[in-house]
Amino acid sequence: MKKTLSLATAGVAMIFALGCAQGEDAVTDKSLSPCGDKPNCVSTQDPREDFNVAPFELAEGASIAPILEVALSMPGTRIGVQEPGYVRVESVSKIMRFVDDLELRIDGDQLIVRSESRVGYSDFGVNRKRVEALRTALQEKGLIK
């Protein structure tokens, strides 16, 4: 019984240690870059079908501050970096505490959107779902067309 319990305890500890991995220590601005080859990223800038999301056309007068407010209202989000016309929001998963980076950049009348997992190979569609949920929320607030 003790051996089974200690193996289970070690297994749970390993899952938490791996699950708490944050990936890169220094996250750089990748908003204008295409996704890599792993299926854990989507972007309005990537022309490849598996990685592309439709453009976000800004409503007249929209600015980064209210867009950030909407992004931060999504579950598990926190501010990563904020600069004029650019923000990186970190999305942390509930159970395993994985971090995904949601980057938002205003470029003329477009909002560039890129969401990527820091660790792992596949995200099982989580980043695409997050971006489309953001699209819906921004449309409801009248910030994008």
C-alpha atoms as a PDB file:
ATOM      1  CA  MET A   1       0.000   0.000   0.000  1.00  0.00           C
ATOM      2  CA  LYS A   2       2.798   2.424   0.939  1.00  0.00           C
ATOM      3  CA  LYS A   3       4.675   1.736  -2.304  1.00  0.00           C
ATOM      4  CA  THR A   4       1.499   2.358  -4.357  1.00  0.00           C
ATOM      5  CA  LEU A   5       0.820   5.578  -2.470  1.00  0.00           C
ATOM      6  CA  SER A   6       4.375   6.876  -2.889  1.00  0.00           C
ATOM      7  CA  LEU A   7       4.320   6.056  -6.632  1.00  0.00           C
ATOM      8  CA  ALA A   8       1.015   7.903  -6.984  1.00  0.00           C
ATOM      9  CA  THR A   9       2.393  10.859  -5.026  1.00  0.00           C
ATOM     10  CA  ALA A  10       5.530  10.938  -7.197  1.00  0.00           C
ATOM     11  CA  GLY A  11       3.380  10.788 -10.351  1.00  0.00           C
ATOM     12  CA  VAL A  12       1.208  13.694  -9.209  1.00  0.00           C
ATOM     13  CA  ALA A  13       4.281  15.715  -8.269  1.00  0.00           C
ATOM     14  CA  MET A  14       5.796  15.097 -11.711  1.00  0.00           C
ATOM     15  CA  ILE A  15       2.589  16.159 -13.468  1.00  0.00           C
ATOM     16  CA  PHE A  16       2.497  19.402 -11.502  1.00  0.00           C
ATOM     17  CA  ALA A  17       6.190  20.060 -12.113  1.00  0.00           C
ATOM     18  CA  LEU A  18       5.778  19.564 -15.851  1.00  0.00           C
ATOM     19  CA  GLY A  19       2.436  21.323 -15.973  1.00  0.00           C
ATOM     20  CA  CYS A  20       3.759  24.414 -14.277  1.00  0.00           C
ATOM     21  CA  ALA A  21       6.382  24.868 -16.968  1.00  0.00           C
ATOM     22  CA  GLN A  22       6.125  28.359 -18.344  1.00  0.00           C
ATOM     23  CA  GLY A  23       8.214  27.822 -21.450  1.00  0.00           C
ATOM     24  CA  GLU A  24      10.403  30.710 -22.530  1.00  0.00           C
ATOM     25  CA  ASP A  25      11.710  33.017 -19.804  1.00  0.00           C
ATOM     26  CA  ALA A  26      12.052  36.047 -22.078  1.00  0.00           C
ATOM     27  CA  VAL A  27       9.061  36.300 -24.386  1.00  0.00           C
ATOM     28  CA  THR A  28       9.636  38.503 -27.409  1.00  0.00           C
ATOM     29  CA  ASP A  29       7.124  40.245 -29.658  1.00  0.00           C
ATOM     30  CA  LYS A  30       6.121  37.740 -32.343  1.00  0.00           C
ATOM     31  CA  SER A  31       2.931  39.506 -33.439  1.00  0.00           C
ATOM     32  CA  LEU A  32       4.190  40.090 -36.991  1.00  0.00           C
ATOM     33  CA  SER A  33       5.787  36.652 -37.339  1.00  0.00           C
ATOM     34  CA  PRO A  34       4.128  33.608 -38.862  1.00  0.00           C
ATOM     35  CA  CYS A  35       3.546  30.614 -36.608  1.00  0.00           C
ATOM     36  CA  GLY A  36       6.111  27.825 -36.469  1.00  0.00           C
ATOM     37  CA  ASP A  37       5.320  24.330 -37.710  1.00  0.00           C
ATOM     38  CA  LYS A  38       3.666  23.010 -34.527  1.00  0.00           C
ATOM     39  CA  PRO A  39      -0.155  23.071 -34.408  1.00  0.00           C
ATOM     40  CA  ASN A  40      -0.267  25.283 -31.295  1.00  0.00           C
ATOM     41  CA  CYS A  41      -0.510  28.735 -32.850  1.00  0.00           C
ATOM     42  CA  VAL A  42      -2.894  30.862 -34.916  1.00  0.00           C
ATOM     43  CA  SER A  43      -2.383  34.294 -36.431  1.00  0.00           C
ATOM     44  CA  THR A  44      -4.051  36.821 -38.692  1.00  0.00           C
ATOM     45  CA  GLN A  45      -0.606  37.210 -40.312  1.00  0.00           C
ATOM     46  CA  ASP A  46       0.003  33.561 -41.214  1.00  0.00           C
ATOM     47  CA  PRO A  47      -1.292  32.670 -44.720  1.00  0.00           C
ATOM     48  CA  ARG A  48      -1.250  28.893 -44.111  1.00  0.00           C
ATOM     49  CA  GLU A  49      -4.751  27.472 -43.702  1.00  0.00           C
ATOM     50  CA  ASP A  50      -4.026  25.505 -40.511  1.00  0.00           C
ATOM     51  CA  PHE A  51      -2.599  28.582 -38.780  1.00  0.00           C
ATOM     52  CA  ASN A  52      -4.616  31.455 -40.261  1.00  0.00           C
ATOM     53  CA  VAL A  53      -7.529  33.241 -38.627  1.00  0.00           C
ATOM     54  CA  ALA A  54      -9.630  35.798 -40.476  1.00  0.00           C
ATOM     55  CA  PRO A  55      -8.605  39.468 -40.185  1.00  0.00           C
ATOM     56  CA  PHE A  56      -9.935  41.685 -37.406  1.00  0.00           C
ATOM     57  CA  GLU A  57     -11.061  44.976 -38.954  1.00  0.00           C
ATOM     58  CA  LEU A  58     -11.158  47.735 -36.363  1.00  0.00           C
ATOM     59  CA  ALA A  59     -14.206  49.923 -35.890  1.00  0.00           C
ATOM     60  CA  GLU A  60     -13.549  53.611 -36.367  1.00  0.00           C
ATOM     61  CA  GLY A  61     -11.902  55.136 -33.306  1.00  0.00           C
ATOM     62  CA  ALA A  62     -11.017  51.793 -31.676  1.00  0.00           C
ATOM     63  CA  SER A  63      -7.845  51.843 -29.597  1.00  0.00           C
ATOM     64  CA  ILE A  64      -5.731  49.293 -27.760  1.00  0.00           C
ATOM     65  CA  ALA A  65      -6.995  50.187 -24.231  1.00  0.00           C
ATOM     66  CA  PRO A  66     -10.591  48.923 -24.620  1.00  0.00           C
ATOM     67  CA  ILE A  67      -9.341  45.941 -26.661  1.00  0.00           C
ATOM     68  CA  LEU A  68      -7.020  45.046 -23.787  1.00  0.00           C
ATOM     69  CA  GLU A  69      -9.899  45.411 -21.336  1.00  0.00           C
ATOM     70  CA  VAL A  70     -11.932  42.874 -23.337  1.00  0.00           C
ATOM     71  CA  ALA A  71      -8.967  40.484 -23.583  1.00  0.00           C
ATOM     72  CA  LEU A  72      -8.369  40.678 -19.830  1.00  0.00           C
ATOM     73  CA  SER A  73     -12.016  39.807 -19.160  1.00  0.00           C
ATOM     74  CA  MET A  74     -11.413  36.356 -20.659  1.00  0.00           C
ATOM     75  CA  PRO A  75     -10.819  33.496 -18.164  1.00  0.00           C
ATOM     76  CA  GLY A  76      -7.267  33.000 -16.881  1.00  0.00           C
ATOM     77  CA  THR A  77      -5.776  36.123 -18.453  1.00  0.00           C
ATOM     78  CA  ARG A  78      -3.210  38.533 -17.086  1.00  0.00           C
ATOM     79  CA  ILE A  79      -1.200  41.358 -18.602  1.00  0.00           C
ATOM     80  CA  GLY A  80       2.205  40.404 -19.946  1.00  0.00           C
ATOM     81  CA  VAL A  81       3.461  43.498 -21.793  1.00  0.00           C
ATOM     82  CA  GLN A  82       1.787  46.730 -22.786  1.00  0.00           C
ATOM     83  CA  GLU A  83       3.282  49.227 -25.225  1.00  0.00           C
ATOM     84  CA  PRO A  84       1.667  51.881 -27.416  1.00  0.00           C
ATOM     85  CA  GLY A  85      -0.459  49.996 -29.962  1.00  0.00           C
ATOM     86  CA  TYR A  86       0.645  46.547 -28.719  1.00  0.00           C
ATOM     87  CA  VAL A  87      -0.190  44.215 -25.838  1.00  0.00           C
ATOM     88  CA  ARG A  88       0.713  40.680 -24.891  1.00  0.00           C
ATOM     89  CA  VAL A  89      -1.801  38.939 -22.674  1.00  0.00           C
ATOM     90  CA  GLU A  90      -0.874  35.698 -20.948  1.00  0.00           C
ATOM     91  CA  SER A  91      -3.609  33.075 -20.790  1.00  0.00           C
ATOM     92  CA  VAL A  92      -3.036  30.515 -18.041  1.00  0.00           C
ATOM     93  CA  SER A  93      -4.872  27.179 -18.126  1.00  0.00           C
ATOM     94  CA  LYS A  94      -6.787  26.238 -14.974  1.00  0.00           C
ATOM     95  CA  ILE A  95      -5.437  22.807 -14.178  1.00  0.00           C
ATOM     96  CA  MET A  96      -1.966  22.410 -15.649  1.00  0.00           C
ATOM     97  CA  ARG A  97      -1.092  26.146 -15.526  1.00  0.00           C
ATOM     98  CA  PHE A  98       0.203  26.188 -19.116  1.00  0.00           C
ATOM     99  CA  VAL A  99       0.779  29.693 -20.484  1.00  0.00           C
ATOM    100  CA  ASP A 100      -0.294  30.830 -23.948  1.00  0.00           C
ATOM    101  CA  ASP A 101       0.605  34.248 -25.341  1.00  0.00           C
ATOM    102  CA  LEU A 102      -2.149  36.298 -26.976  1.00  0.00           C
ATOM    103  CA  GLU A 103      -0.593  39.202 -28.876  1.00  0.00           C
ATOM    104  CA  LEU A 104      -2.622  42.148 -30.141  1.00  0.00           C
ATOM    105  CA  ARG A 105      -1.200  44.923 -32.329  1.00  0.00           C
ATOM    106  CA  ILE A 106      -2.984  47.801 -34.055  1.00  0.00           C
ATOM    107  CA  ASP A 107      -1.797  48.276 -37.633  1.00  0.00           C
ATOM    108  CA  GLY A 108      -3.840  50.928 -39.454  1.00  0.00           C
ATOM    109  CA  ASP A 109      -7.444  49.721 -39.515  1.00  0.00           C
ATOM    110  CA  GLN A 110      -6.490  46.136 -38.638  1.00  0.00           C
ATOM    111  CA  LEU A 111      -5.956  44.386 -35.332  1.00  0.00           C
ATOM    112  CA  ILE A 112      -3.172  41.851 -35.711  1.00  0.00           C
ATOM    113  CA  VAL A 113      -3.925  38.866 -33.503  1.00  0.00           C
ATOM    114  CA  ARG A 114      -1.572  35.985 -32.686  1.00  0.00           C
ATOM    115  CA  SER A 115      -2.078  33.318 -30.028  1.00  0.00           C
ATOM    116  CA  GLU A 116       0.527  30.637 -29.326  1.00  0.00           C
ATOM    117  CA  SER A 117       1.263  28.048 -26.648  1.00  0.00           C
ATOM    118  CA  ARG A 118       4.649  28.418 -24.996  1.00  0.00           C
ATOM    119  CA  VAL A 119       5.162  24.681 -24.492  1.00  0.00           C
ATOM    120  CA  GLY A 120       3.961  21.475 -26.063  1.00  0.00           C
ATOM    121  CA  TYR A 121       3.237  20.347 -29.576  1.00  0.00           C
ATOM    122  CA  SER A 122      -0.522  20.557 -30.067  1.00  0.00           C
ATOM    123  CA  ASP A 123      -2.936  22.844 -28.265  1.00  0.00           C
ATOM    124  CA  PHE A 124      -6.038  20.845 -29.306  1.00  0.00           C
ATOM    125  CA  GLY A 125      -7.520  23.980 -30.862  1.00  0.00           C
ATOM    126  CA  VAL A 126      -7.396  26.087 -27.690  1.00  0.00           C
ATOM    127  CA  ASN A 127      -5.683  29.096 -29.295  1.00  0.00           C
ATOM    128  CA  ARG A 128      -8.124  29.175 -32.225  1.00  0.00           C
ATOM    129  CA  LYS A 129     -11.076  28.994 -29.806  1.00  0.00           C
ATOM    130  CA  ARG A 130      -9.575  31.806 -27.709  1.00  0.00           C
ATOM    131  CA  VAL A 131      -9.095  34.038 -30.756  1.00  0.00           C
ATOM    132  CA  GLU A 132     -12.631  33.425 -32.007  1.00  0.00           C
ATOM    133  CA  ALA A 133     -14.045  34.094 -28.514  1.00  0.00           C
ATOM    134  CA  LEU A 134     -12.078  37.357 -28.519  1.00  0.00           C
ATOM    135  CA  ARG A 135     -13.495  38.206 -31.955  1.00  0.00           C
ATOM    136  CA  THR A 136     -17.051  37.695 -30.671  1.00  0.00           C
ATOM    137  CA  ALA A 137     -16.421  39.780 -27.535  1.00  0.00           C
ATOM    138  CA  LEU A 138     -14.819  42.613 -29.523  1.00  0.00           C
ATOM    139  CA  GLN A 139     -17.732  42.621 -32.007  1.00  0.00           C
ATOM    140  CA  GLU A 140     -20.222  42.778 -29.128  1.00  0.00           C
ATOM    141  CA  LYS A 141     -18.376  45.828 -27.734  1.00  0.00           C
ATOM    142  CA  GLY A 142     -18.339  47.462 -31.177  1.00  0.00           C
ATOM    143  CA  LEU A 143     -14.536  47.526 -31.321  1.00  0.00           C
ATOM    144  CA  ILE A 144     -14.245  45.508 -34.548  1.00  0.00           C
ATOM    145  CA  LYS A 145     -16.499  45.149 -37.577  1.00  0.00           C
END
